[in-house]
Amino acid sequence: MNASPRIQRAIACTAGLIFASIVTVGCAQPAPAENADQLVPDEVAFNAGYGGHVDVFGVSASWKYKPLIAALDRPGLDTRLVAQLAYWYGRERPTPNPSVWGVALLPMLRWTAHGVASLRPYIEGGLGINILSSTRINNDRVFSTAFQFEEQGGIGVTFGPMNRYALAVYIQHVSNGNIKRPNDGLTHGGLLFRAALR
């Protein structure tokens, strides 16, 4: 018996997530960290954005990994595992669904321009998973499942001593990949500030 379209979509989305994880982090090993605790993140970030009548505020931490795949092991290109916590505040009033919390885990690939300039541009993107505290926000935005997929991409610049700070614009999309309908999802854009801890 053939699988239903919903199951086929779920399998395709899961396979895509597994592939992205393998490419970026799944086949990776922690980068050497002399005299440093491996649990301490390499970077922390704060973001704020808006989309679909929803304000999004978040904090994240990321850990750099050295890829085993030779094509990804080159200057300016690195992989990171990002853990995010976000608060979504719906602007529609009155509503019985004013807010949602989201917890995400996102392997990301980042390319940074070479050089020693005080401002160095970079671009990054990733695909991961997001778990929501509620399946609704505002009056009519329905996610149907707490489990969601997340895609995020951004472009920005690094600056400051040793280029340890970064400012970026990003776009993020969260949805369940039509595992269950309605699947309104949420797409928002915003600003991100990042600081290196080591």
N, C-alpha and C. Protein backbone atom coordinates (compact mmCIF):
# COMPACT_ATOMS: atom_id res chain seq x y z
N MET A 1 0.85 -1.17 0.00
CA MET A 1 0.00 0.00 0.00
C MET A 1 0.89 1.24 0.00
N ASN A 2 0.56 2.24 -0.83
CA ASN A 2 1.36 3.45 -0.93
C ASN A 2 1.15 4.34 0.29
N ALA A 3 2.22 5.03 0.68
CA ALA A 3 2.13 5.96 1.80
C ALA A 3 1.32 7.18 1.38
N SER A 4 0.62 7.78 2.35
CA SER A 4 -0.19 8.97 2.07
C SER A 4 0.74 10.13 1.73
N PRO A 5 0.21 11.15 1.01
CA PRO A 5 1.04 12.33 0.71
C PRO A 5 1.60 12.98 1.96
N ARG A 6 0.84 12.99 3.04
CA ARG A 6 1.33 13.60 4.29
C ARG A 6 2.55 12.86 4.80
N ILE A 7 2.52 11.54 4.78
CA ILE A 7 3.66 10.74 5.25
C ILE A 7 4.85 10.92 4.30
N GLN A 8 4.58 10.98 3.00
CA GLN A 8 5.66 11.19 2.04
C GLN A 8 6.34 12.54 2.26
N ARG A 9 5.55 13.59 2.53
CA ARG A 9 6.13 14.90 2.81
C ARG A 9 6.95 14.87 4.09
N ALA A 10 6.43 14.20 5.10
CA ALA A 10 7.17 14.12 6.37
C ALA A 10 8.49 13.40 6.18
N ILE A 11 8.49 12.31 5.40
CA ILE A 11 9.72 11.57 5.14
C ILE A 11 10.70 12.44 4.36
N ALA A 12 10.20 13.18 3.35
CA ALA A 12 11.08 14.03 2.55
C ALA A 12 11.69 15.14 3.41
N CYS A 13 10.88 15.76 4.26
CA CYS A 13 11.41 16.83 5.13
C CYS A 13 12.43 16.28 6.11
N THR A 14 12.14 15.13 6.69
CA THR A 14 13.08 14.52 7.64
C THR A 14 14.38 14.14 6.94
N ALA A 15 14.28 13.59 5.73
CA ALA A 15 15.49 13.22 4.99
C ALA A 15 16.32 14.47 4.68
N GLY A 16 15.65 15.57 4.30
CA GLY A 16 16.38 16.81 4.05
C GLY A 16 17.07 17.33 5.29
N LEU A 17 16.40 17.24 6.43
CA LEU A 17 17.00 17.68 7.69
C LEU A 17 18.20 16.83 8.05
N ILE A 18 18.08 15.52 7.89
CA ILE A 18 19.20 14.62 8.19
C ILE A 18 20.37 14.92 7.27
N PHE A 19 20.10 15.12 5.98
CA PHE A 19 21.17 15.43 5.04
C PHE A 19 21.89 16.72 5.43
N ALA A 20 21.11 17.77 5.74
CA ALA A 20 21.73 19.04 6.13
C ALA A 20 22.56 18.89 7.39
N SER A 21 22.07 18.11 8.33
CA SER A 21 22.81 17.90 9.57
C SER A 21 24.12 17.15 9.33
N ILE A 22 24.07 16.16 8.44
CA ILE A 22 25.28 15.41 8.12
C ILE A 22 26.31 16.31 7.46
N VAL A 23 25.84 17.16 6.52
CA VAL A 23 26.76 18.02 5.80
C VAL A 23 27.42 19.03 6.73
N THR A 24 26.64 19.57 7.66
CA THR A 24 27.19 20.64 8.48
C THR A 24 27.77 20.18 9.81
N VAL A 25 27.04 19.33 10.53
CA VAL A 25 27.50 18.97 11.87
C VAL A 25 27.57 17.47 12.09
N GLY A 26 26.70 16.73 11.45
CA GLY A 26 26.62 15.30 11.71
C GLY A 26 27.91 14.56 11.49
N CYS A 27 28.72 15.00 10.53
CA CYS A 27 30.02 14.39 10.27
C CYS A 27 31.14 15.29 10.78
N ALA A 28 30.90 15.90 11.91
CA ALA A 28 31.89 16.84 12.43
C ALA A 28 32.44 16.36 13.75
N GLN A 29 33.56 16.97 14.09
CA GLN A 29 34.14 16.72 15.40
C GLN A 29 34.44 18.07 16.03
N PRO A 30 34.39 18.17 17.35
CA PRO A 30 34.65 19.46 17.97
C PRO A 30 36.03 20.00 17.60
N ALA A 31 36.09 21.30 17.32
CA ALA A 31 37.38 21.92 17.04
C ALA A 31 38.21 21.92 18.31
N PRO A 32 39.55 21.84 18.19
CA PRO A 32 40.39 21.83 19.38
C PRO A 32 40.16 23.09 20.21
N ALA A 33 40.09 22.92 21.49
CA ALA A 33 39.91 24.05 22.41
C ALA A 33 40.87 23.86 23.56
N GLU A 34 42.03 24.52 23.47
CA GLU A 34 43.05 24.35 24.48
C GLU A 34 42.61 25.01 25.77
N ASN A 35 42.62 24.21 26.85
CA ASN A 35 42.30 24.69 28.18
C ASN A 35 40.93 25.36 28.26
N ALA A 36 39.98 24.97 27.43
CA ALA A 36 38.65 25.56 27.47
C ALA A 36 37.61 24.46 27.59
N ASP A 37 36.60 24.73 28.35
CA ASP A 37 35.52 23.77 28.53
C ASP A 37 34.72 23.67 27.23
N GLN A 38 34.54 22.46 26.72
CA GLN A 38 33.83 22.27 25.45
C GLN A 38 32.37 22.70 25.53
N LEU A 39 31.82 22.78 26.75
CA LEU A 39 30.42 23.17 26.88
C LEU A 39 30.22 24.68 26.79
N VAL A 40 31.26 25.45 26.96
CA VAL A 40 31.14 26.91 26.86
C VAL A 40 30.96 27.27 25.39
N PRO A 41 29.91 28.05 25.05
CA PRO A 41 29.71 28.38 23.64
C PRO A 41 30.80 29.29 23.11
N ASP A 42 31.00 29.22 21.80
CA ASP A 42 31.94 30.11 21.12
C ASP A 42 31.35 31.50 20.95
N GLU A 43 30.01 31.58 20.80
CA GLU A 43 29.35 32.85 20.55
C GLU A 43 27.99 32.88 21.24
N VAL A 44 27.53 34.07 21.54
CA VAL A 44 26.15 34.29 21.97
C VAL A 44 25.56 35.36 21.06
N ALA A 45 24.24 35.34 20.90
CA ALA A 45 23.60 36.29 20.00
C ALA A 45 22.23 36.69 20.54
N PHE A 46 21.79 37.86 20.13
CA PHE A 46 20.48 38.39 20.46
C PHE A 46 19.83 38.85 19.17
N ASN A 47 18.54 38.56 19.01
CA ASN A 47 17.86 38.95 17.78
C ASN A 47 16.47 39.49 18.07
N ALA A 48 15.99 40.33 17.16
CA ALA A 48 14.63 40.85 17.22
C ALA A 48 14.12 40.97 15.81
N GLY A 49 12.87 40.56 15.61
CA GLY A 49 12.31 40.60 14.27
C GLY A 49 10.81 40.72 14.28
N TYR A 50 10.23 40.76 13.08
CA TYR A 50 8.79 40.91 12.94
C TYR A 50 8.33 40.27 11.64
N GLY A 51 7.15 39.63 11.69
CA GLY A 51 6.53 39.06 10.50
C GLY A 51 5.19 38.45 10.85
N GLY A 52 4.20 38.57 9.99
CA GLY A 52 2.90 37.95 10.21
C GLY A 52 2.20 38.44 11.46
N HIS A 53 2.33 39.73 11.78
CA HIS A 53 1.72 40.32 12.99
C HIS A 53 2.27 39.69 14.26
N VAL A 54 3.54 39.27 14.22
CA VAL A 54 4.20 38.66 15.38
C VAL A 54 5.57 39.28 15.58
N ASP A 55 5.84 39.76 16.80
CA ASP A 55 7.18 40.20 17.18
C ASP A 55 7.95 39.00 17.68
N VAL A 56 9.22 38.88 17.30
CA VAL A 56 10.05 37.75 17.72
C VAL A 56 11.31 38.29 18.40
N PHE A 57 11.57 37.81 19.61
CA PHE A 57 12.77 38.18 20.36
C PHE A 57 13.49 36.89 20.76
N GLY A 58 14.80 36.84 20.56
CA GLY A 58 15.49 35.59 20.83
C GLY A 58 16.90 35.77 21.35
N VAL A 59 17.38 34.70 21.97
CA VAL A 59 18.79 34.60 22.38
C VAL A 59 19.28 33.25 21.86
N SER A 60 20.57 33.19 21.57
CA SER A 60 21.12 31.93 21.07
C SER A 60 22.58 31.79 21.48
N ALA A 61 23.04 30.56 21.46
CA ALA A 61 24.45 30.24 21.70
C ALA A 61 24.89 29.30 20.60
N SER A 62 26.16 29.42 20.18
CA SER A 62 26.64 28.55 19.11
C SER A 62 28.01 27.97 19.44
N TRP A 63 28.22 26.76 18.95
CA TRP A 63 29.47 26.04 19.15
C TRP A 63 30.06 25.71 17.78
N LYS A 64 31.32 26.06 17.58
CA LYS A 64 31.98 25.81 16.30
C LYS A 64 32.46 24.37 16.25
N TYR A 65 32.29 23.74 15.08
CA TYR A 65 32.75 22.38 14.84
C TYR A 65 33.62 22.35 13.60
N LYS A 66 34.62 21.51 13.65
CA LYS A 66 35.51 21.33 12.50
C LYS A 66 34.97 20.18 11.66
N PRO A 67 34.58 20.44 10.41
CA PRO A 67 34.00 19.38 9.58
C PRO A 67 35.04 18.37 9.13
N LEU A 68 34.60 17.14 8.98
CA LEU A 68 35.47 16.10 8.43
C LEU A 68 35.39 16.07 6.91
N ILE A 69 34.33 16.65 6.35
CA ILE A 69 34.18 16.69 4.90
C ILE A 69 35.17 17.70 4.34
N ALA A 70 36.08 17.24 3.50
CA ALA A 70 37.18 18.08 3.01
C ALA A 70 36.69 19.34 2.31
N ALA A 71 35.58 19.25 1.57
CA ALA A 71 35.09 20.40 0.81
C ALA A 71 34.68 21.55 1.72
N LEU A 72 34.34 21.24 2.97
CA LEU A 72 33.92 22.29 3.89
C LEU A 72 35.05 22.80 4.77
N ASP A 73 36.20 22.12 4.72
CA ASP A 73 37.33 22.49 5.58
C ASP A 73 38.26 23.42 4.81
N ARG A 74 37.87 24.68 4.74
CA ARG A 74 38.67 25.67 4.01
C ARG A 74 38.57 27.01 4.70
N PRO A 75 39.54 27.89 4.47
CA PRO A 75 39.52 29.20 5.14
C PRO A 75 38.25 29.98 4.83
N GLY A 76 37.70 30.59 5.86
CA GLY A 76 36.51 31.40 5.70
C GLY A 76 35.21 30.65 5.80
N LEU A 77 35.25 29.33 5.80
CA LEU A 77 34.03 28.52 5.84
C LEU A 77 34.04 27.70 7.13
N ASP A 78 32.98 27.80 7.91
CA ASP A 78 32.92 27.01 9.13
C ASP A 78 31.50 26.59 9.44
N THR A 79 31.39 25.59 10.29
CA THR A 79 30.10 25.03 10.70
C THR A 79 29.89 25.30 12.17
N ARG A 80 28.61 25.54 12.51
CA ARG A 80 28.26 25.82 13.90
C ARG A 80 26.95 25.14 14.25
N LEU A 81 26.83 24.73 15.49
CA LEU A 81 25.58 24.22 16.02
C LEU A 81 24.99 25.31 16.89
N VAL A 82 23.79 25.77 16.54
CA VAL A 82 23.17 26.90 17.21
C VAL A 82 21.97 26.41 18.02
N ALA A 83 21.92 26.79 19.29
CA ALA A 83 20.77 26.54 20.16
C ALA A 83 20.08 27.87 20.40
N GLN A 84 18.76 27.91 20.14
CA GLN A 84 18.01 29.16 20.22
C GLN A 84 16.85 29.06 21.19
N LEU A 85 16.55 30.16 21.86
CA LEU A 85 15.34 30.31 22.66
C LEU A 85 14.68 31.59 22.18
N ALA A 86 13.40 31.50 21.78
CA ALA A 86 12.71 32.68 21.23
C ALA A 86 11.35 32.86 21.87
N TYR A 87 10.95 34.11 21.99
CA TYR A 87 9.62 34.49 22.47
C TYR A 87 8.88 35.19 21.35
N TRP A 88 7.72 34.65 20.97
CA TRP A 88 6.90 35.23 19.92
C TRP A 88 5.71 35.94 20.57
N TYR A 89 5.54 37.21 20.25
CA TYR A 89 4.46 38.02 20.82
C TYR A 89 3.51 38.44 19.71
N GLY A 90 2.29 37.91 19.74
CA GLY A 90 1.30 38.24 18.72
C GLY A 90 0.72 39.62 18.95
N ARG A 91 0.56 40.39 17.87
CA ARG A 91 0.06 41.76 17.98
C ARG A 91 -1.44 41.88 17.87
N GLU A 92 -2.13 40.83 17.42
CA GLU A 92 -3.58 40.93 17.25
C GLU A 92 -4.26 40.91 18.61
N ARG A 93 -5.22 41.83 18.81
CA ARG A 93 -5.98 41.90 20.05
C ARG A 93 -7.43 42.18 19.73
N PRO A 94 -8.39 41.56 20.43
CA PRO A 94 -8.19 40.56 21.48
C PRO A 94 -7.89 39.20 20.86
N THR A 95 -7.19 38.36 21.60
CA THR A 95 -6.90 37.00 21.16
C THR A 95 -6.67 36.10 22.36
N PRO A 96 -7.08 34.85 22.29
CA PRO A 96 -6.78 33.92 23.37
C PRO A 96 -5.39 33.30 23.24
N ASN A 97 -4.66 33.65 22.17
CA ASN A 97 -3.35 33.06 21.90
C ASN A 97 -2.31 34.16 21.72
N PRO A 98 -1.92 34.87 22.80
CA PRO A 98 -1.07 36.05 22.64
C PRO A 98 0.41 35.78 22.43
N SER A 99 0.91 34.59 22.81
CA SER A 99 2.36 34.38 22.71
C SER A 99 2.71 32.90 22.59
N VAL A 100 3.95 32.67 22.13
CA VAL A 100 4.50 31.32 21.97
C VAL A 100 5.98 31.36 22.30
N TRP A 101 6.48 30.33 22.96
CA TRP A 101 7.92 30.14 23.16
C TRP A 101 8.40 29.09 22.16
N GLY A 102 9.62 29.26 21.66
CA GLY A 102 10.21 28.29 20.75
C GLY A 102 11.63 27.94 21.16
N VAL A 103 11.96 26.65 21.10
CA VAL A 103 13.32 26.17 21.38
C VAL A 103 13.80 25.45 20.14
N ALA A 104 14.97 25.87 19.62
CA ALA A 104 15.44 25.33 18.34
C ALA A 104 16.88 24.85 18.42
N LEU A 105 17.21 23.90 17.58
CA LEU A 105 18.57 23.40 17.39
C LEU A 105 18.83 23.43 15.90
N LEU A 106 19.91 24.15 15.50
CA LEU A 106 20.08 24.49 14.10
C LEU A 106 21.54 24.38 13.67
N PRO A 107 21.90 23.35 12.89
CA PRO A 107 23.24 23.34 12.29
C PRO A 107 23.33 24.44 11.22
N MET A 108 24.41 25.23 11.25
CA MET A 108 24.55 26.33 10.29
C MET A 108 25.91 26.31 9.63
N LEU A 109 25.92 26.77 8.39
CA LEU A 109 27.16 26.91 7.61
C LEU A 109 27.38 28.40 7.38
N ARG A 110 28.60 28.87 7.67
CA ARG A 110 28.91 30.30 7.54
C ARG A 110 30.14 30.50 6.67
N TRP A 111 30.04 31.47 5.74
CA TRP A 111 31.20 31.88 4.95
C TRP A 111 31.53 33.32 5.31
N THR A 112 32.80 33.58 5.66
CA THR A 112 33.26 34.93 6.00
C THR A 112 34.35 35.32 5.02
N ALA A 113 34.28 36.57 4.52
CA ALA A 113 35.27 37.05 3.57
C ALA A 113 36.66 37.06 4.21
N HIS A 114 37.68 36.74 3.41
CA HIS A 114 39.06 36.74 3.89
C HIS A 114 39.55 38.16 4.11
N GLY A 115 40.64 38.28 4.85
CA GLY A 115 41.28 39.56 5.03
C GLY A 115 41.35 39.96 6.48
N VAL A 116 41.94 41.11 6.70
CA VAL A 116 42.11 41.63 8.06
C VAL A 116 41.39 42.96 8.22
N ALA A 117 40.45 43.27 7.33
CA ALA A 117 39.72 44.53 7.40
C ALA A 117 38.91 44.60 8.69
N SER A 118 38.64 45.82 9.14
CA SER A 118 37.88 45.98 10.36
C SER A 118 36.43 45.56 10.18
N LEU A 119 35.93 45.61 8.95
CA LEU A 119 34.58 45.12 8.63
C LEU A 119 34.71 43.99 7.61
N ARG A 120 34.27 42.80 7.99
CA ARG A 120 34.35 41.65 7.09
C ARG A 120 32.95 41.08 6.87
N PRO A 121 32.45 41.08 5.62
CA PRO A 121 31.11 40.56 5.36
C PRO A 121 31.06 39.04 5.49
N TYR A 122 29.88 38.54 5.84
CA TYR A 122 29.67 37.09 5.91
C TYR A 122 28.24 36.77 5.50
N ILE A 123 28.03 35.52 5.15
CA ILE A 123 26.71 34.99 4.83
C ILE A 123 26.58 33.63 5.49
N GLU A 124 25.38 33.29 5.99
CA GLU A 124 25.19 32.02 6.67
C GLU A 124 23.79 31.50 6.44
N GLY A 125 23.63 30.20 6.62
CA GLY A 125 22.32 29.58 6.49
C GLY A 125 22.30 28.24 7.18
N GLY A 126 21.10 27.80 7.57
CA GLY A 126 20.99 26.52 8.24
C GLY A 126 19.57 25.99 8.23
N LEU A 127 19.45 24.73 8.58
CA LEU A 127 18.17 24.02 8.64
C LEU A 127 18.17 23.17 9.89
N GLY A 128 17.11 23.28 10.68
CA GLY A 128 17.05 22.52 11.93
C GLY A 128 15.64 22.26 12.37
N ILE A 129 15.47 22.08 13.68
CA ILE A 129 14.16 21.79 14.25
C ILE A 129 13.83 22.82 15.31
N ASN A 130 12.52 23.02 15.53
CA ASN A 130 12.03 23.99 16.50
C ASN A 130 10.83 23.37 17.21
N ILE A 131 10.82 23.44 18.54
CA ILE A 131 9.71 22.93 19.33
C ILE A 131 8.98 24.13 19.93
N LEU A 132 7.66 24.22 19.69
CA LEU A 132 6.86 25.34 20.14
C LEU A 132 6.07 24.99 21.39
N SER A 133 5.83 26.01 22.24
CA SER A 133 5.06 25.80 23.47
C SER A 133 3.56 25.75 23.21
N SER A 134 3.12 26.25 22.05
CA SER A 134 1.72 26.26 21.70
C SER A 134 1.59 26.13 20.19
N THR A 135 0.47 25.64 19.73
CA THR A 135 0.29 25.46 18.29
C THR A 135 -0.55 26.56 17.65
N ARG A 136 -0.78 27.66 18.39
CA ARG A 136 -1.53 28.81 17.84
C ARG A 136 -0.93 30.11 18.35
N ILE A 137 -1.06 31.15 17.53
CA ILE A 137 -0.76 32.52 17.97
C ILE A 137 -1.68 33.46 17.22
N ASN A 138 -2.01 34.59 17.85
CA ASN A 138 -3.00 35.52 17.31
C ASN A 138 -4.34 34.80 17.15
N ASN A 139 -5.21 35.32 16.30
CA ASN A 139 -6.54 34.73 16.19
C ASN A 139 -6.62 33.56 15.23
N ASP A 140 -5.80 33.59 14.17
CA ASP A 140 -6.00 32.58 13.12
C ASP A 140 -4.72 31.94 12.59
N ARG A 141 -3.60 32.10 13.27
CA ARG A 141 -2.36 31.46 12.82
C ARG A 141 -2.21 30.14 13.56
N VAL A 142 -2.33 29.02 12.82
CA VAL A 142 -2.34 27.68 13.42
C VAL A 142 -1.15 26.89 12.90
N PHE A 143 -0.37 26.32 13.82
CA PHE A 143 0.81 25.53 13.45
C PHE A 143 0.52 24.03 13.44
N SER A 144 -0.54 23.62 14.13
CA SER A 144 -1.03 22.23 14.19
C SER A 144 -0.14 21.28 14.99
N THR A 145 1.18 21.41 14.91
CA THR A 145 2.07 20.53 15.67
C THR A 145 3.09 21.38 16.43
N ALA A 146 3.50 20.88 17.60
CA ALA A 146 4.56 21.57 18.35
C ALA A 146 5.90 21.40 17.65
N PHE A 147 6.11 20.25 17.00
CA PHE A 147 7.35 20.00 16.26
C PHE A 147 7.31 20.75 14.94
N GLN A 148 8.34 21.56 14.70
CA GLN A 148 8.43 22.35 13.48
C GLN A 148 9.84 22.23 12.88
N PHE A 149 9.94 22.48 11.59
CA PHE A 149 11.23 22.63 10.94
C PHE A 149 11.56 24.13 10.91
N GLU A 150 12.84 24.45 10.90
CA GLU A 150 13.26 25.85 10.85
C GLU A 150 14.37 26.03 9.84
N GLU A 151 14.21 27.05 8.99
CA GLU A 151 15.25 27.46 8.06
C GLU A 151 15.60 28.91 8.38
N GLN A 152 16.89 29.21 8.37
CA GLN A 152 17.32 30.58 8.66
C GLN A 152 18.51 30.93 7.78
N GLY A 153 18.50 32.15 7.26
CA GLY A 153 19.61 32.66 6.48
C GLY A 153 19.86 34.11 6.84
N GLY A 154 21.11 34.54 6.71
CA GLY A 154 21.43 35.91 7.05
C GLY A 154 22.67 36.39 6.35
N ILE A 155 22.82 37.72 6.33
CA ILE A 155 24.00 38.35 5.78
C ILE A 155 24.37 39.50 6.70
N GLY A 156 25.67 39.64 6.96
CA GLY A 156 26.08 40.67 7.90
C GLY A 156 27.55 41.00 7.80
N VAL A 157 28.04 41.70 8.82
CA VAL A 157 29.45 42.09 8.89
C VAL A 157 29.97 41.82 10.29
N THR A 158 31.26 41.45 10.37
CA THR A 158 31.93 41.36 11.65
C THR A 158 32.74 42.63 11.86
N PHE A 159 32.96 42.98 13.13
CA PHE A 159 33.68 44.22 13.43
C PHE A 159 34.26 44.14 14.84
N GLY A 160 35.01 45.17 15.21
CA GLY A 160 35.59 45.26 16.55
C GLY A 160 36.92 44.54 16.65
N PRO A 161 37.50 44.50 17.86
CA PRO A 161 38.79 43.83 18.06
C PRO A 161 38.71 42.36 17.65
N MET A 162 39.62 41.94 16.79
CA MET A 162 39.66 40.54 16.30
C MET A 162 38.34 40.14 15.63
N ASN A 163 37.59 41.13 15.15
CA ASN A 163 36.29 40.86 14.51
C ASN A 163 35.38 40.00 15.38
N ARG A 164 35.36 40.27 16.67
CA ARG A 164 34.62 39.42 17.59
C ARG A 164 33.13 39.75 17.69
N TYR A 165 32.68 40.85 17.06
CA TYR A 165 31.27 41.21 17.07
C TYR A 165 30.71 41.10 15.66
N ALA A 166 29.40 40.90 15.57
CA ALA A 166 28.76 40.80 14.26
C ALA A 166 27.38 41.42 14.32
N LEU A 167 26.97 42.03 13.23
CA LEU A 167 25.63 42.58 13.07
C LEU A 167 25.10 42.07 11.74
N ALA A 168 23.87 41.55 11.75
CA ALA A 168 23.33 40.93 10.54
C ALA A 168 21.85 41.17 10.41
N VAL A 169 21.37 41.08 9.17
CA VAL A 169 19.94 40.98 8.90
C VAL A 169 19.69 39.52 8.55
N TYR A 170 18.53 39.00 8.97
CA TYR A 170 18.25 37.59 8.73
C TYR A 170 16.78 37.41 8.38
N ILE A 171 16.49 36.25 7.81
CA ILE A 171 15.11 35.82 7.59
C ILE A 171 14.99 34.40 8.09
N GLN A 172 13.88 34.12 8.75
CA GLN A 172 13.67 32.79 9.34
C GLN A 172 12.26 32.31 8.99
N HIS A 173 12.16 31.04 8.67
CA HIS A 173 10.87 30.42 8.39
C HIS A 173 10.70 29.19 9.28
N VAL A 174 9.55 29.10 9.92
CA VAL A 174 9.24 27.96 10.79
C VAL A 174 7.91 27.37 10.33
N SER A 175 7.89 26.08 10.04
CA SER A 175 6.64 25.39 9.69
C SER A 175 6.84 23.89 9.89
N ASN A 176 5.73 23.13 9.83
CA ASN A 176 5.85 21.69 10.06
C ASN A 176 6.00 20.88 8.78
N GLY A 177 6.23 21.55 7.65
CA GLY A 177 6.45 20.83 6.39
C GLY A 177 5.22 20.06 5.93
N ASN A 178 4.02 20.55 6.31
CA ASN A 178 2.75 19.91 5.96
C ASN A 178 2.59 18.51 6.53
N ILE A 179 3.27 18.23 7.66
CA ILE A 179 3.02 16.97 8.36
C ILE A 179 1.56 16.91 8.79
N LYS A 180 1.03 18.05 9.23
CA LYS A 180 -0.37 18.15 9.61
C LYS A 180 -0.86 19.53 9.23
N ARG A 181 -2.10 19.62 8.79
CA ARG A 181 -2.68 20.89 8.39
C ARG A 181 -3.78 21.30 9.35
N PRO A 182 -4.05 22.62 9.48
CA PRO A 182 -3.41 23.73 8.77
C PRO A 182 -1.95 23.93 9.20
N ASN A 183 -1.15 24.40 8.25
CA ASN A 183 0.27 24.59 8.47
C ASN A 183 0.61 26.04 8.09
N ASP A 184 0.13 26.98 8.92
CA ASP A 184 0.34 28.39 8.59
C ASP A 184 1.80 28.79 8.69
N GLY A 185 2.54 28.21 9.64
CA GLY A 185 3.95 28.57 9.78
C GLY A 185 4.13 30.04 10.11
N LEU A 186 5.38 30.47 10.17
CA LEU A 186 5.69 31.88 10.40
C LEU A 186 7.01 32.20 9.72
N THR A 187 7.00 33.26 8.92
CA THR A 187 8.22 33.79 8.31
C THR A 187 8.41 35.20 8.84
N HIS A 188 9.61 35.48 9.32
CA HIS A 188 9.88 36.83 9.80
C HIS A 188 11.31 37.23 9.47
N GLY A 189 11.54 38.51 9.39
CA GLY A 189 12.88 39.06 9.20
C GLY A 189 13.26 39.86 10.42
N GLY A 190 14.56 40.12 10.57
CA GLY A 190 14.98 40.88 11.73
C GLY A 190 16.46 41.21 11.74
N LEU A 191 16.90 41.71 12.87
CA LEU A 191 18.29 42.07 13.10
C LEU A 191 18.89 41.17 14.17
N LEU A 192 20.18 40.86 14.03
CA LEU A 192 20.87 39.98 14.97
C LEU A 192 22.21 40.61 15.35
N PHE A 193 22.50 40.60 16.65
CA PHE A 193 23.80 41.03 17.15
C PHE A 193 24.47 39.83 17.80
N ARG A 194 25.74 39.57 17.44
CA ARG A 194 26.46 38.40 17.93
C ARG A 194 27.79 38.83 18.52
N ALA A 195 28.20 38.14 19.60
CA ALA A 195 29.50 38.42 20.21
C ALA A 195 30.23 37.12 20.47
N ALA A 196 31.51 37.06 20.10
CA ALA A 196 32.34 35.88 20.34
C ALA A 196 32.80 35.87 21.79
N LEU A 197 32.74 34.70 22.42
CA LEU A 197 33.20 34.55 23.79
C LEU A 197 34.63 34.04 23.86
N ARG A 198 35.09 33.40 22.77
CA ARG A 198 36.47 32.89 22.73
C ARG A 198 36.93 32.79 21.29
